[in-house]
Amino acid sequence: MSDDFLATHGFGAAQRVPLPGDAGFRRYTRLTGGPRPALLVEDPEHLDAFLRIARHIAAIGLSAPEVLAEDRQRNLLLIEDLGEATHAMLLDAGADPAPLYAEAVEALAALHAQPPPAGLPRWDGAAMARTAAATFLDWWWPAAFGAMPDAAQRAALDTAIRAMMAPFENTGAFVHRDFFPANLIRIPTRDGARRTGILDFQDAALGHPAYDLVSLIEDARRDVAPAIRSASIARYLALRPTLDAAEFHAAMAACAAQRHLRVAALWVRLERRDGKPHYLPHGPRCWALLEAALAHDATAPLRNFLDTHVPRALRGNPPALRIDAA
C-alpha cells in the first residue's frame, strides 16, 4: 500500500526494517538507502495531531522529527529519522542516568514554558476520570472481582478523580502525556534543550505540566532512583521559577495517582484484550508508585475511594494474572 508513496518521494529502493511496536496501533518502518535517514509512519488514528504538534515543537525551537512527506488519505507519513539512541536504549545499555534526566527535564521545561498550539483537547479531571475508568473499571475490576462494577461504584470513581484534579485544572499548559525515556532521543549534534528529540507526542493535550514530569521520573516501565527523581524536580522548578513549588508537588501527587491507577490497569487490558501479557510485570511497580502517591493529602478523594472499594490485598495484578517481578 505504501510502495508508490515511497517511490514518489525517492524512497522506492530503500531498505525497510520494521521497528518494534508499542501498546498502540501505530507502525514505524526504518528506511535506509534513500535520500536521507527516514521513517515511514502508518498511523490510522492520530495523523493530523502528529502533524500539528510536530510543527509546533519545531516552531518553538525544540527537536521533533521533521515531516518530509504526508498522505492523509492513507494515513502515511515520511519523517526524519533521529536515530536509535533513545534515552531508554541508553539507560538499558548502562548510561549514566543523571545527564539523561537533566537533558530531558531541560527540554520538558522549555516545552511547557511556551504557549500551546490551538486545538488541543483538555486533559482535565473529566478526561482523566474517563481514561482511568476505561482501564481500571472496565478491565482490572472484573479481572480482580469477577464482575463489573455497578453504577454507584462508577460514579464514585468519577467523583473522586474529578475532585482530586479540581484544584489543578486552570493551568492549560501543553502536556505531552507520554514523556518518558522510550519517547526521548539524544541528538549529540544539537545543544541545550534541542539535544533531546521528542517523539510520540500525538496524544498531547491541555493540562497541568506536573503530569509530564511524573511520566518521566515515576516511569511505569523502569525504576528511577530517588536521587534522580529529586534532582529532576529541583531542576525543573529552577528552570521555571514562577511556579509555586508546593502547588506543583501537590499536582504531581494527584497526577501520579491517576496515572499509576490507569496504567496499572492498562497492563491488564493489554493482556486480556490484545494478547500482550509481557506488560504485566510492570504492574507491581505501578501499584507501588500509586501507594506512594496516595500518601499526599492532595490525593485524598481517590485514596478514600480505594479504601472503601478495593481491599489492600487486591491492589496489584489480579490473582489470575499475577506476575510480580518487573
C-alpha atoms as a PDB file:
ATOM      1  CA  MET A   1       0.000   0.000   0.000  1.00  0.00           C
ATOM      2  CA  SER A   2       2.899   2.356   0.686  1.00  0.00           C
ATOM      3  CA  ASP A   3       5.130   1.387  -2.269  1.00  0.00           C
ATOM      4  CA  ASP A   4       4.023   4.195  -4.575  1.00  0.00           C
ATOM      5  CA  PHE A   5       4.131   6.722  -1.721  1.00  0.00           C
ATOM      6  CA  LEU A   6       7.739   5.802  -1.003  1.00  0.00           C
ATOM      7  CA  ALA A   7       8.673   5.784  -4.688  1.00  0.00           C
ATOM      8  CA  THR A   8       7.128   9.217  -5.240  1.00  0.00           C
ATOM      9  CA  HIS A   9       9.355  10.695  -2.561  1.00  0.00           C
ATOM     10  CA  GLY A  10      12.584   8.952  -3.566  1.00  0.00           C
ATOM     11  CA  PHE A  11      12.488   6.003  -1.162  1.00  0.00           C
ATOM     12  CA  GLY A  12      11.287   3.309  -3.571  1.00  0.00           C
ATOM     13  CA  ALA A  13      14.577   1.415  -3.401  1.00  0.00           C
ATOM     14  CA  ALA A  14      15.202   1.983   0.310  1.00  0.00           C
ATOM     15  CA  GLN A  15      15.616  -0.999   2.578  1.00  0.00           C
ATOM     16  CA  ARG A  16      12.784  -1.364   5.085  1.00  0.00           C
ATOM     17  CA  VAL A  17      13.216  -2.536   8.658  1.00  0.00           C
ATOM     18  CA  PRO A  18      10.023  -2.662  10.766  1.00  0.00           C
ATOM     19  CA  LEU A  19      10.567  -1.278  14.265  1.00  0.00           C
ATOM     20  CA  PRO A  20       9.120  -2.932  17.373  1.00  0.00           C
ATOM     21  CA  GLY A  21       5.584  -1.828  18.112  1.00  0.00           C
ATOM     22  CA  ASP A  22       4.275  -0.307  21.316  1.00  0.00           C
ATOM     23  CA  ALA A  23       0.951  -0.714  23.065  1.00  0.00           C
ATOM     24  CA  GLY A  24      -0.935   1.111  20.296  1.00  0.00           C
ATOM     25  CA  PHE A  25      -1.661   0.555  16.619  1.00  0.00           C
ATOM     26  CA  ARG A  26       0.932   2.864  15.089  1.00  0.00           C
ATOM     27  CA  ARG A  27       3.624   1.240  12.922  1.00  0.00           C
ATOM     28  CA  TYR A  28       7.115   2.513  12.132  1.00  0.00           C
ATOM     29  CA  THR A  29       9.484   1.300   9.414  1.00  0.00           C
ATOM     30  CA  ARG A  30      13.108   2.471   9.234  1.00  0.00           C
ATOM     31  CA  LEU A  31      14.198   3.347   5.697  1.00  0.00           C
ATOM     32  CA  THR A  32      17.864   3.117   4.737  1.00  0.00           C
ATOM     33  CA  GLY A  33      19.481   3.747   1.383  1.00  0.00           C
ATOM     34  CA  GLY A  34      17.133   6.591   0.459  1.00  0.00           C
ATOM     35  CA  PRO A  35      17.875  10.293   0.070  1.00  0.00           C
ATOM     36  CA  ARG A  36      18.239  10.707   3.846  1.00  0.00           C
ATOM     37  CA  PRO A  37      17.548   8.737   7.045  1.00  0.00           C
ATOM     38  CA  ALA A  38      13.797   8.478   7.393  1.00  0.00           C
ATOM     39  CA  LEU A  39      10.933   6.568   8.953  1.00  0.00           C
ATOM     40  CA  LEU A  40       7.676   5.519   7.352  1.00  0.00           C
ATOM     41  CA  VAL A  41       4.821   6.034   9.819  1.00  0.00           C
ATOM     42  CA  GLU A  42       1.473   4.298   9.379  1.00  0.00           C
ATOM     43  CA  ASP A  43      -0.981   5.819  11.841  1.00  0.00           C
ATOM     44  CA  PRO A  44      -4.711   5.209  11.435  1.00  0.00           C
ATOM     45  CA  GLU A  45      -5.680   7.321  14.462  1.00  0.00           C
ATOM     46  CA  HIS A  46      -3.607  10.436  15.063  1.00  0.00           C
ATOM     47  CA  LEU A  47      -2.100  11.683  11.812  1.00  0.00           C
ATOM     48  CA  ASP A  48      -3.478  15.230  11.947  1.00  0.00           C
ATOM     49  CA  ALA A  49      -2.491  15.632  15.592  1.00  0.00           C
ATOM     50  CA  PHE A  50       1.018  14.365  14.876  1.00  0.00           C
ATOM     51  CA  LEU A  51       1.496  16.868  12.061  1.00  0.00           C
ATOM     52  CA  ARG A  52       0.153  19.822  14.036  1.00  0.00           C
ATOM     53  CA  ILE A  53       2.199  19.112  17.138  1.00  0.00           C
ATOM     54  CA  ALA A  54       5.413  18.228  15.294  1.00  0.00           C
ATOM     55  CA  ARG A  55       5.309  21.620  13.641  1.00  0.00           C
ATOM     56  CA  HIS A  56       4.563  23.342  16.945  1.00  0.00           C
ATOM     57  CA  ILE A  57       7.554  21.715  18.659  1.00  0.00           C
ATOM     58  CA  ALA A  58       9.840  22.731  15.794  1.00  0.00           C
ATOM     59  CA  ALA A  59       8.452  26.269  15.774  1.00  0.00           C
ATOM     60  CA  ILE A  60       9.326  26.837  19.434  1.00  0.00           C
ATOM     61  CA  GLY A  61      12.910  25.745  18.819  1.00  0.00           C
ATOM     62  CA  LEU A  62      12.831  22.189  20.134  1.00  0.00           C
ATOM     63  CA  SER A  63      13.560  18.898  18.391  1.00  0.00           C
ATOM     64  CA  ALA A  64      10.848  16.779  16.846  1.00  0.00           C
ATOM     65  CA  PRO A  65      11.140  14.688  13.673  1.00  0.00           C
ATOM     66  CA  GLU A  66      10.824  16.842  10.569  1.00  0.00           C
ATOM     67  CA  VAL A  67       7.860  15.861   8.398  1.00  0.00           C
ATOM     68  CA  LEU A  68       9.206  15.020   4.941  1.00  0.00           C
ATOM     69  CA  ALA A  69       6.004  13.936   3.194  1.00  0.00           C
ATOM     70  CA  GLU A  70       2.412  13.071   4.045  1.00  0.00           C
ATOM     71  CA  ASP A  71      -0.557  11.225   2.598  1.00  0.00           C
ATOM     72  CA  ARG A  72      -3.520  11.898   4.845  1.00  0.00           C
ATOM     73  CA  GLN A  73      -5.938   9.760   2.867  1.00  0.00           C
ATOM     74  CA  ARG A  74      -3.833   6.657   3.500  1.00  0.00           C
ATOM     75  CA  ASN A  75      -2.575   7.711   6.950  1.00  0.00           C
ATOM     76  CA  LEU A  76       1.052   7.692   5.852  1.00  0.00           C
ATOM     77  CA  LEU A  77       3.947   9.938   6.814  1.00  0.00           C
ATOM     78  CA  LEU A  78       7.611  10.149   5.986  1.00  0.00           C
ATOM     79  CA  ILE A  79       9.504  11.712   8.870  1.00  0.00           C
ATOM     80  CA  GLU A  80      13.096  12.421   9.761  1.00  0.00           C
ATOM     81  CA  ASP A  81      14.874   9.531  11.469  1.00  0.00           C
ATOM     82  CA  LEU A  82      16.548  10.978  14.544  1.00  0.00           C
ATOM     83  CA  GLY A  83      18.472   7.749  15.151  1.00  0.00           C
ATOM     84  CA  GLU A  84      18.299   4.876  17.596  1.00  0.00           C
ATOM     85  CA  ALA A  85      19.712   6.464  20.751  1.00  0.00           C
ATOM     86  CA  THR A  86      16.513   6.737  22.739  1.00  0.00           C
ATOM     87  CA  HIS A  87      17.009   7.523  26.396  1.00  0.00           C
ATOM     88  CA  ALA A  88      15.509   4.106  27.167  1.00  0.00           C
ATOM     89  CA  MET A  89      18.080   2.349  24.994  1.00  0.00           C
ATOM     90  CA  LEU A  90      20.930   4.349  26.514  1.00  0.00           C
ATOM     91  CA  LEU A  91      19.744   3.620  30.060  1.00  0.00           C
ATOM     92  CA  ASP A  92      19.352  -0.076  29.274  1.00  0.00           C
ATOM     93  CA  ALA A  93      22.918  -0.088  27.947  1.00  0.00           C
ATOM     94  CA  GLY A  94      24.229   1.281  31.247  1.00  0.00           C
ATOM     95  CA  ALA A  95      24.494   5.006  30.537  1.00  0.00           C
ATOM     96  CA  ASP A  96      24.738   7.368  33.492  1.00  0.00           C
ATOM     97  CA  PRO A  97      21.127   8.385  34.124  1.00  0.00           C
ATOM     98  CA  ALA A  98      21.916  11.772  35.660  1.00  0.00           C
ATOM     99  CA  PRO A  99      22.776  13.667  32.451  1.00  0.00           C
ATOM    100  CA  LEU A 100      19.988  11.984  30.507  1.00  0.00           C
ATOM    101  CA  TYR A 101      17.334  13.008  33.012  1.00  0.00           C
ATOM    102  CA  ALA A 102      18.840  16.506  33.272  1.00  0.00           C
ATOM    103  CA  GLU A 103      18.623  16.876  29.481  1.00  0.00           C
ATOM    104  CA  ALA A 104      15.063  15.542  29.442  1.00  0.00           C
ATOM    105  CA  VAL A 105      13.985  17.993  32.139  1.00  0.00           C
ATOM    106  CA  GLU A 106      15.586  20.891  30.268  1.00  0.00           C
ATOM    107  CA  ALA A 107      13.591  20.008  27.141  1.00  0.00           C
ATOM    108  CA  LEU A 108      10.412  19.490  29.162  1.00  0.00           C
ATOM    109  CA  ALA A 109      10.689  22.846  30.920  1.00  0.00           C
ATOM    110  CA  ALA A 110      11.240  24.588  27.573  1.00  0.00           C
ATOM    111  CA  LEU A 111       8.246  22.753  26.076  1.00  0.00           C
ATOM    112  CA  HIS A 112       5.989  23.782  28.951  1.00  0.00           C
ATOM    113  CA  ALA A 113       7.166  27.394  29.016  1.00  0.00           C
ATOM    114  CA  GLN A 114       5.727  28.176  25.570  1.00  0.00           C
ATOM    115  CA  PRO A 115       2.034  28.752  24.796  1.00  0.00           C
ATOM    116  CA  PRO A 116       0.434  25.546  23.487  1.00  0.00           C
ATOM    117  CA  PRO A 117      -0.865  25.215  19.931  1.00  0.00           C
ATOM    118  CA  ALA A 118      -4.537  25.731  19.205  1.00  0.00           C
ATOM    119  CA  GLY A 119      -6.950  22.852  19.066  1.00  0.00           C
ATOM    120  CA  LEU A 120      -5.615  20.569  21.788  1.00  0.00           C
ATOM    121  CA  PRO A 121      -8.157  18.581  23.808  1.00  0.00           C
ATOM    122  CA  ARG A 122      -8.371  19.085  27.559  1.00  0.00           C
ATOM    123  CA  TRP A 123      -6.585  16.730  29.937  1.00  0.00           C
ATOM    124  CA  ASP A 124      -8.689  17.714  32.935  1.00  0.00           C
ATOM    125  CA  GLY A 125     -10.445  15.852  35.711  1.00  0.00           C
ATOM    126  CA  ALA A 126     -13.284  14.727  33.461  1.00  0.00           C
ATOM    127  CA  ALA A 127     -10.934  13.321  30.823  1.00  0.00           C
ATOM    128  CA  MET A 128      -8.670  11.750  33.446  1.00  0.00           C
ATOM    129  CA  ALA A 129     -11.687  10.108  35.103  1.00  0.00           C
ATOM    130  CA  ARG A 130     -12.863   8.680  31.779  1.00  0.00           C
ATOM    131  CA  THR A 131      -9.488   7.203  30.875  1.00  0.00           C
ATOM    132  CA  ALA A 132      -8.999   5.722  34.345  1.00  0.00           C
ATOM    133  CA  ALA A 133     -12.433   4.108  34.216  1.00  0.00           C
ATOM    134  CA  ALA A 134     -11.680   2.672  30.768  1.00  0.00           C
ATOM    135  CA  THR A 135      -8.847   0.575  32.181  1.00  0.00           C
ATOM    136  CA  PHE A 136      -9.417   0.273  35.930  1.00  0.00           C
ATOM    137  CA  LEU A 137     -13.176  -0.298  35.952  1.00  0.00           C
ATOM    138  CA  ASP A 138     -13.627  -1.927  32.558  1.00  0.00           C
ATOM    139  CA  TRP A 139     -10.663  -4.339  32.716  1.00  0.00           C
ATOM    140  CA  TRP A 140      -8.880  -4.509  36.070  1.00  0.00           C
ATOM    141  CA  TRP A 141     -12.076  -4.583  38.151  1.00  0.00           C
ATOM    142  CA  PRO A 142     -13.738  -7.618  36.513  1.00  0.00           C
ATOM    143  CA  ALA A 143     -10.391  -9.452  36.432  1.00  0.00           C
ATOM    144  CA  ALA A 144      -9.936  -8.805  40.169  1.00  0.00           C
ATOM    145  CA  PHE A 145     -13.534  -9.124  41.424  1.00  0.00           C
ATOM    146  CA  GLY A 146     -15.079 -11.441  38.857  1.00  0.00           C
ATOM    147  CA  ALA A 147     -17.840  -8.948  37.994  1.00  0.00           C
ATOM    148  CA  MET A 148     -18.203  -5.485  36.502  1.00  0.00           C
ATOM    149  CA  PRO A 149     -18.580  -2.506  38.869  1.00  0.00           C
ATOM    150  CA  ASP A 150     -22.064  -1.198  39.431  1.00  0.00           C
ATOM    151  CA  ALA A 151     -23.297   2.288  38.579  1.00  0.00           C
ATOM    152  CA  ALA A 152     -22.666   3.613  42.079  1.00  0.00           C
ATOM    153  CA  GLN A 153     -19.056   2.437  42.034  1.00  0.00           C
ATOM    154  CA  ARG A 154     -18.525   4.010  38.619  1.00  0.00           C
ATOM    155  CA  ALA A 155     -19.977   7.281  39.820  1.00  0.00           C
ATOM    156  CA  ALA A 156     -17.828   7.188  42.953  1.00  0.00           C
ATOM    157  CA  LEU A 157     -14.588   6.821  40.980  1.00  0.00           C
ATOM    158  CA  ASP A 158     -15.608   9.590  38.595  1.00  0.00           C
ATOM    159  CA  THR A 159     -16.371  11.901  41.513  1.00  0.00           C
ATOM    160  CA  ALA A 160     -13.121  11.024  43.281  1.00  0.00           C
ATOM    161  CA  ILE A 161     -10.842  11.739  40.336  1.00  0.00           C
ATOM    162  CA  ARG A 162     -12.655  14.938  39.395  1.00  0.00           C
ATOM    163  CA  ALA A 163     -12.410  16.167  42.990  1.00  0.00           C
ATOM    164  CA  MET A 164      -8.726  15.238  43.203  1.00  0.00           C
ATOM    165  CA  MET A 165      -7.875  17.105  39.995  1.00  0.00           C
ATOM    166  CA  ALA A 166     -10.164  20.115  40.524  1.00  0.00           C
ATOM    167  CA  PRO A 167      -7.506  22.295  42.246  1.00  0.00           C
ATOM    168  CA  PHE A 168      -5.135  21.867  39.280  1.00  0.00           C
ATOM    169  CA  GLU A 169      -7.397  22.456  36.281  1.00  0.00           C
ATOM    170  CA  ASN A 170      -6.755  26.093  35.431  1.00  0.00           C
ATOM    171  CA  THR A 171      -3.217  25.730  34.068  1.00  0.00           C
ATOM    172  CA  GLY A 172      -3.962  24.888  30.430  1.00  0.00           C
ATOM    173  CA  ALA A 173      -0.350  24.026  29.642  1.00  0.00           C
ATOM    174  CA  PHE A 174       0.915  21.768  26.861  1.00  0.00           C
ATOM    175  CA  VAL A 175       1.019  18.219  28.235  1.00  0.00           C
ATOM    176  CA  HIS A 176       2.791  15.553  26.157  1.00  0.00           C
ATOM    177  CA  ARG A 177       1.134  12.764  28.207  1.00  0.00           C
ATOM    178  CA  ASP A 178       3.833  10.144  27.488  1.00  0.00           C
ATOM    179  CA  PHE A 179       7.053  11.975  28.263  1.00  0.00           C
ATOM    180  CA  PHE A 180       9.304   9.077  29.278  1.00  0.00           C
ATOM    181  CA  PRO A 181      12.665   7.643  28.102  1.00  0.00           C
ATOM    182  CA  ALA A 182      11.350   5.497  25.237  1.00  0.00           C
ATOM    183  CA  ASN A 183       9.887   8.657  23.664  1.00  0.00           C
ATOM    184  CA  LEU A 184      13.032  10.761  24.031  1.00  0.00           C
ATOM    185  CA  ILE A 185      16.133  10.532  21.889  1.00  0.00           C
ATOM    186  CA  ARG A 186      19.574  12.024  22.372  1.00  0.00           C
ATOM    187  CA  ILE A 187      20.847  14.084  19.436  1.00  0.00           C
ATOM    188  CA  PRO A 188      24.502  14.760  20.292  1.00  0.00           C
ATOM    189  CA  THR A 189      24.990  17.222  17.410  1.00  0.00           C
ATOM    190  CA  ARG A 190      22.490  19.652  18.975  1.00  0.00           C
ATOM    191  CA  ASP A 191      22.834  21.822  22.046  1.00  0.00           C
ATOM    192  CA  GLY A 192      20.722  22.729  25.068  1.00  0.00           C
ATOM    193  CA  ALA A 193      17.082  21.714  25.055  1.00  0.00           C
ATOM    194  CA  ARG A 194      17.384  20.744  21.370  1.00  0.00           C
ATOM    195  CA  ARG A 195      19.704  17.882  22.328  1.00  0.00           C
ATOM    196  CA  THR A 196      16.613  15.880  23.335  1.00  0.00           C
ATOM    197  CA  GLY A 197      14.422  14.762  20.458  1.00  0.00           C
ATOM    198  CA  ILE A 198      10.756  14.450  21.429  1.00  0.00           C
ATOM    199  CA  LEU A 199       8.735  11.577  19.959  1.00  0.00           C
ATOM    200  CA  ASP A 200       5.177  10.173  20.103  1.00  0.00           C
ATOM    201  CA  PHE A 201       3.513  13.441  21.036  1.00  0.00           C
ATOM    202  CA  GLN A 202       0.277  12.955  19.088  1.00  0.00           C
ATOM    203  CA  ASP A 203      -1.823  12.484  22.261  1.00  0.00           C
ATOM    204  CA  ALA A 204      -0.809  15.888  23.659  1.00  0.00           C
ATOM    205  CA  ALA A 205      -3.455  17.891  25.482  1.00  0.00           C
ATOM    206  CA  LEU A 206      -4.037  20.899  27.740  1.00  0.00           C
ATOM    207  CA  GLY A 207      -3.480  20.129  31.396  1.00  0.00           C
ATOM    208  CA  HIS A 208      -1.128  20.532  34.317  1.00  0.00           C
ATOM    209  CA  PRO A 209       2.594  20.306  33.471  1.00  0.00           C
ATOM    210  CA  ALA A 210       3.217  18.181  36.555  1.00  0.00           C
ATOM    211  CA  TYR A 211       1.719  15.248  34.646  1.00  0.00           C
ATOM    212  CA  ASP A 212       4.689  15.100  32.255  1.00  0.00           C
ATOM    213  CA  LEU A 213       7.292  15.279  34.991  1.00  0.00           C
ATOM    214  CA  VAL A 214       5.524  12.397  36.743  1.00  0.00           C
ATOM    215  CA  SER A 215       5.605  10.436  33.476  1.00  0.00           C
ATOM    216  CA  LEU A 216       9.364  10.946  33.312  1.00  0.00           C
ATOM    217  CA  ILE A 217      10.527  10.315  36.857  1.00  0.00           C
ATOM    218  CA  GLU A 218       7.829   7.893  38.045  1.00  0.00           C
ATOM    219  CA  ASP A 219       8.204   5.718  34.981  1.00  0.00           C
ATOM    220  CA  ALA A 220       5.737   2.844  34.689  1.00  0.00           C
ATOM    221  CA  ARG A 221       8.326   0.712  32.885  1.00  0.00           C
ATOM    222  CA  ARG A 222      11.564   1.253  34.806  1.00  0.00           C
ATOM    223  CA  ASP A 223      12.779   2.051  38.290  1.00  0.00           C
ATOM    224  CA  VAL A 224      14.144   5.568  38.766  1.00  0.00           C
ATOM    225  CA  ALA A 225      16.497   6.217  41.659  1.00  0.00           C
ATOM    226  CA  PRO A 226      15.195   8.587  44.357  1.00  0.00           C
ATOM    227  CA  ALA A 227      18.205  10.866  43.857  1.00  0.00           C
ATOM    228  CA  ILE A 228      17.379  11.211  40.152  1.00  0.00           C
ATOM    229  CA  ARG A 229      13.755  11.973  40.962  1.00  0.00           C
ATOM    230  CA  SER A 230      14.685  14.649  43.492  1.00  0.00           C
ATOM    231  CA  ALA A 231      17.268  16.232  41.208  1.00  0.00           C
ATOM    232  CA  SER A 232      14.825  16.282  38.297  1.00  0.00           C
ATOM    233  CA  ILE A 233      12.118  18.043  40.306  1.00  0.00           C
ATOM    234  CA  ALA A 234      14.606  20.587  41.610  1.00  0.00           C
ATOM    235  CA  ARG A 235      15.961  21.245  38.127  1.00  0.00           C
ATOM    236  CA  TYR A 236      12.515  21.647  36.613  1.00  0.00           C
ATOM    237  CA  LEU A 237      11.434  24.129  39.277  1.00  0.00           C
ATOM    238  CA  ALA A 238      14.705  26.049  38.905  1.00  0.00           C
ATOM    239  CA  LEU A 239      14.094  26.340  35.163  1.00  0.00           C
ATOM    240  CA  ARG A 240      10.525  27.556  35.798  1.00  0.00           C
ATOM    241  CA  PRO A 241      10.934  29.871  38.812  1.00  0.00           C
ATOM    242  CA  THR A 242       7.473  31.414  38.549  1.00  0.00           C
ATOM    243  CA  LEU A 243       5.813  28.142  39.563  1.00  0.00           C
ATOM    244  CA  ASP A 244       4.645  27.642  43.146  1.00  0.00           C
ATOM    245  CA  ALA A 245       6.682  24.682  44.418  1.00  0.00           C
ATOM    246  CA  ALA A 246       4.131  23.470  46.979  1.00  0.00           C
ATOM    247  CA  GLU A 247       1.296  23.584  44.440  1.00  0.00           C
ATOM    248  CA  PHE A 248       3.468  21.781  41.905  1.00  0.00           C
ATOM    249  CA  HIS A 249       4.310  18.979  44.350  1.00  0.00           C
ATOM    250  CA  ALA A 250       0.608  18.586  45.167  1.00  0.00           C
ATOM    251  CA  ALA A 251      -0.242  18.461  41.458  1.00  0.00           C
ATOM    252  CA  MET A 252       2.463  15.859  40.924  1.00  0.00           C
ATOM    253  CA  ALA A 253       0.909  13.630  43.586  1.00  0.00           C
ATOM    254  CA  ALA A 254      -2.571  13.952  42.091  1.00  0.00           C
ATOM    255  CA  CYS A 255      -1.360  13.354  38.555  1.00  0.00           C
ATOM    256  CA  ALA A 256       0.723  10.419  39.730  1.00  0.00           C
ATOM    257  CA  ALA A 257      -2.226   8.790  41.488  1.00  0.00           C
ATOM    258  CA  GLN A 258      -4.426   8.994  38.392  1.00  0.00           C
ATOM    259  CA  ARG A 259      -1.677   7.887  36.013  1.00  0.00           C
ATOM    260  CA  HIS A 260      -0.491   4.923  38.052  1.00  0.00           C
ATOM    261  CA  LEU A 261      -4.025   3.650  38.645  1.00  0.00           C
ATOM    262  CA  ARG A 262      -4.828   3.939  34.946  1.00  0.00           C
ATOM    263  CA  VAL A 263      -1.591   2.370  33.734  1.00  0.00           C
ATOM    264  CA  ALA A 264      -1.556  -0.460  36.294  1.00  0.00           C
ATOM    265  CA  ALA A 265      -4.951  -1.436  34.889  1.00  0.00           C
ATOM    266  CA  LEU A 266      -3.865  -0.797  31.295  1.00  0.00           C
ATOM    267  CA  TRP A 267      -1.460  -3.738  31.551  1.00  0.00           C
ATOM    268  CA  VAL A 268      -4.472  -5.943  32.347  1.00  0.00           C
ATOM    269  CA  ARG A 269      -6.368  -4.663  29.322  1.00  0.00           C
ATOM    270  CA  LEU A 270      -3.384  -5.316  27.084  1.00  0.00           C
ATOM    271  CA  GLU A 271      -3.216  -8.893  28.340  1.00  0.00           C
ATOM    272  CA  ARG A 272      -6.942  -9.608  28.194  1.00  0.00           C
ATOM    273  CA  ARG A 273      -7.968  -7.744  25.054  1.00  0.00           C
ATOM    274  CA  ASP A 274      -4.794  -7.593  22.962  1.00  0.00           C
ATOM    275  CA  GLY A 275      -2.920 -10.761  23.944  1.00  0.00           C
ATOM    276  CA  LYS A 276       0.113  -8.830  25.241  1.00  0.00           C
ATOM    277  CA  PRO A 277       0.989 -10.366  28.632  1.00  0.00           C
ATOM    278  CA  HIS A 278       4.567  -9.065  28.533  1.00  0.00           C
ATOM    279  CA  TYR A 279       3.404  -5.763  30.055  1.00  0.00           C
ATOM    280  CA  LEU A 280       2.076  -7.402  33.235  1.00  0.00           C
ATOM    281  CA  PRO A 281       5.467  -7.472  35.027  1.00  0.00           C
ATOM    282  CA  HIS A 282       5.222  -3.663  35.238  1.00  0.00           C
ATOM    283  CA  GLY A 283       2.074  -3.938  37.334  1.00  0.00           C
ATOM    284  CA  PRO A 284       3.737  -4.228  40.760  1.00  0.00           C
ATOM    285  CA  ARG A 285       5.821  -1.124  40.090  1.00  0.00           C
ATOM    286  CA  CYS A 286       2.738   0.894  39.128  1.00  0.00           C
ATOM    287  CA  TRP A 287       0.835  -0.202  42.232  1.00  0.00           C
ATOM    288  CA  ALA A 288       3.812   0.688  44.441  1.00  0.00           C
ATOM    289  CA  LEU A 289       4.044   4.133  42.834  1.00  0.00           C
ATOM    290  CA  LEU A 290       0.309   4.571  43.322  1.00  0.00           C
ATOM    291  CA  GLU A 291       0.577   3.774  47.037  1.00  0.00           C
ATOM    292  CA  ALA A 292       3.381   6.325  47.395  1.00  0.00           C
ATOM    293  CA  ALA A 293       1.292   8.999  45.658  1.00  0.00           C
ATOM    294  CA  LEU A 294      -1.714   8.273  47.873  1.00  0.00           C
ATOM    295  CA  ALA A 295       0.299   9.356  50.915  1.00  0.00           C
ATOM    296  CA  HIS A 296      -0.072  13.006  49.819  1.00  0.00           C
ATOM    297  CA  ASP A 297      -3.090  14.946  51.076  1.00  0.00           C
ATOM    298  CA  ALA A 298      -3.868  16.107  47.535  1.00  0.00           C
ATOM    299  CA  THR A 299      -4.906  12.565  46.623  1.00  0.00           C
ATOM    300  CA  ALA A 300      -7.427  12.150  49.473  1.00  0.00           C
ATOM    301  CA  PRO A 301     -10.515  11.726  47.240  1.00  0.00           C
ATOM    302  CA  LEU A 302      -9.000   8.828  45.311  1.00  0.00           C
ATOM    303  CA  ARG A 303      -7.438   7.355  48.448  1.00  0.00           C
ATOM    304  CA  ASN A 304     -10.837   7.340  50.124  1.00  0.00           C
ATOM    305  CA  PHE A 305     -12.431   5.676  47.104  1.00  0.00           C
ATOM    306  CA  LEU A 306      -9.843   2.890  47.107  1.00  0.00           C
ATOM    307  CA  ASP A 307     -10.031   2.412  50.866  1.00  0.00           C
ATOM    308  CA  THR A 308     -13.797   1.988  50.547  1.00  0.00           C
ATOM    309  CA  HIS A 309     -13.934  -0.247  47.491  1.00  0.00           C
ATOM    310  CA  VAL A 310     -10.591  -2.017  46.946  1.00  0.00           C
ATOM    311  CA  PRO A 311      -9.040  -4.102  49.752  1.00  0.00           C
ATOM    312  CA  ARG A 312      -5.290  -3.677  50.003  1.00  0.00           C
ATOM    313  CA  ALA A 313      -4.793  -7.386  49.369  1.00  0.00           C
ATOM    314  CA  LEU A 314      -6.218  -6.904  45.855  1.00  0.00           C
ATOM    315  CA  ARG A 315      -4.117  -3.866  44.926  1.00  0.00           C
ATOM    316  CA  GLY A 316      -1.907  -5.453  42.325  1.00  0.00           C
ATOM    317  CA  ASN A 317      -2.203  -7.591  39.232  1.00  0.00           C
ATOM    318  CA  PRO A 318      -5.440  -9.611  39.546  1.00  0.00           C
ATOM    319  CA  PRO A 319      -4.776 -13.008  41.146  1.00  0.00           C
ATOM    320  CA  ALA A 320      -5.310 -14.926  37.904  1.00  0.00           C
ATOM    321  CA  LEU A 321      -2.705 -12.725  36.199  1.00  0.00           C
ATOM    322  CA  ARG A 322      -0.129 -12.471  38.968  1.00  0.00           C
ATOM    323  CA  ILE A 323       3.324 -11.714  37.608  1.00  0.00           C
ATOM    324  CA  ASP A 324       5.135  -9.907  40.370  1.00  0.00           C
ATOM    325  CA  ALA A 325       8.685  -9.406  39.104  1.00  0.00           C
ATOM    326  CA  ALA A 326       9.219  -6.375  36.910  1.00  0.00           C
END
